[in-house]
């Protein structure tokens, strides 16, 4: 607890990893919701055409 890492070494890698992780999660959620929406549209589309 007494050791404080050097911010110049820690910040770029940590912030970059967090940003990449957040972007990855956001993209995954968008893809999942978009895929479910496409499935719902296909399910609601009439089959008589």
C-alpha atoms as a PDB file:
ATOM      1  CA  UNK A   1       0.000   0.000   0.000  1.00  0.00           C
ATOM      2  CA  UNK A   2       2.952   2.324   0.623  1.00  0.00           C
ATOM      3  CA  UNK A   3       4.424   1.817  -2.846  1.00  0.00           C
ATOM      4  CA  UNK A   4       3.017   4.258  -5.404  1.00  0.00           C
ATOM      5  CA  UNK A   5       3.711   3.233  -9.017  1.00  0.00           C
ATOM      6  CA  UNK A   6       5.095   5.809 -11.414  1.00  0.00           C
ATOM      7  CA  UNK A   7       2.087   7.409 -13.153  1.00  0.00           C
ATOM      8  CA  UNK A   8       4.046   7.878 -16.377  1.00  0.00           C
ATOM      9  CA  UNK A   9       4.487   4.085 -16.584  1.00  0.00           C
ATOM     10  CA  UNK A  10       1.100   2.953 -15.249  1.00  0.00           C
ATOM     11  CA  UNK A  11      -1.388   5.374 -16.791  1.00  0.00           C
ATOM     12  CA  UNK A  12      -0.942   4.784 -20.546  1.00  0.00           C
ATOM     13  CA  UNK A  13      -1.178   1.000 -20.361  1.00  0.00           C
ATOM     14  CA  UNK A  14      -3.930   0.899 -17.746  1.00  0.00           C
ATOM     15  CA  UNK A  15      -6.084   3.569 -19.381  1.00  0.00           C
ATOM     16  CA  UNK A  16      -5.540   1.995 -22.784  1.00  0.00           C
ATOM     17  CA  UNK A  17      -6.554  -1.441 -21.515  1.00  0.00           C
ATOM     18  CA  UNK A  18      -9.669  -0.049 -19.818  1.00  0.00           C
ATOM     19  CA  UNK A  19     -10.671   1.896 -22.937  1.00  0.00           C
ATOM     20  CA  UNK A  20     -10.162  -1.138 -25.177  1.00  0.00           C
ATOM     21  CA  UNK A  21     -12.117  -3.320 -22.767  1.00  0.00           C
ATOM     22  CA  UNK A  22     -15.008  -0.817 -22.600  1.00  0.00           C
ATOM     23  CA  UNK A  23     -15.077  -0.509 -26.388  1.00  0.00           C
ATOM     24  CA  UNK A  24     -15.050  -4.292 -26.760  1.00  0.00           C
ATOM     25  CA  UNK A  25     -17.952  -4.675 -24.300  1.00  0.00           C
ATOM     26  CA  UNK A  26     -19.910  -1.873 -26.001  1.00  0.00           C
ATOM     27  CA  UNK A  27     -19.407  -3.424 -29.446  1.00  0.00           C
ATOM     28  CA  UNK A  28     -20.404  -6.849 -28.139  1.00  0.00           C
ATOM     29  CA  UNK A  29     -23.595  -5.450 -26.593  1.00  0.00           C
ATOM     30  CA  UNK A  30     -24.467  -3.571 -29.804  1.00  0.00           C
ATOM     31  CA  UNK A  31     -23.893  -6.707 -31.888  1.00  0.00           C
ATOM     32  CA  UNK A  32     -26.017  -8.809 -29.513  1.00  0.00           C
ATOM     33  CA  UNK A  33     -28.885  -6.307 -29.442  1.00  0.00           C
ATOM     34  CA  UNK A  34     -28.710  -5.820 -33.206  1.00  0.00           C
ATOM     35  CA  UNK A  35     -28.727  -9.580 -33.777  1.00  0.00           C
ATOM     36  CA  UNK A  36     -31.761 -10.025 -31.525  1.00  0.00           C
ATOM     37  CA  UNK A  37     -33.496  -7.147 -33.336  1.00  0.00           C
ATOM     38  CA  UNK A  38     -32.814  -8.794 -36.694  1.00  0.00           C
ATOM     39  CA  UNK A  39     -34.193 -12.089 -35.394  1.00  0.00           C
ATOM     40  CA  UNK A  40     -37.344 -10.317 -34.177  1.00  0.00           C
ATOM     41  CA  UNK A  41     -37.795  -8.607 -37.555  1.00  0.00           C
ATOM     42  CA  UNK A  42     -37.411 -11.936 -39.357  1.00  0.00           C
ATOM     43  CA  UNK A  43     -39.906 -13.524 -36.972  1.00  0.00           C
ATOM     44  CA  UNK A  44     -42.447 -10.712 -37.428  1.00  0.00           C
ATOM     45  CA  UNK A  45     -42.071 -10.576 -41.213  1.00  0.00           C
ATOM     46  CA  UNK A  46     -45.006 -12.268 -43.003  1.00  0.00           C
ATOM     47  CA  UNK A  47     -44.135 -15.393 -44.962  1.00  0.00           C
ATOM     48  CA  UNK A  48     -46.686 -14.902 -47.769  1.00  0.00           C
ATOM     49  CA  UNK A  49     -44.317 -12.938 -50.016  1.00  0.00           C
END
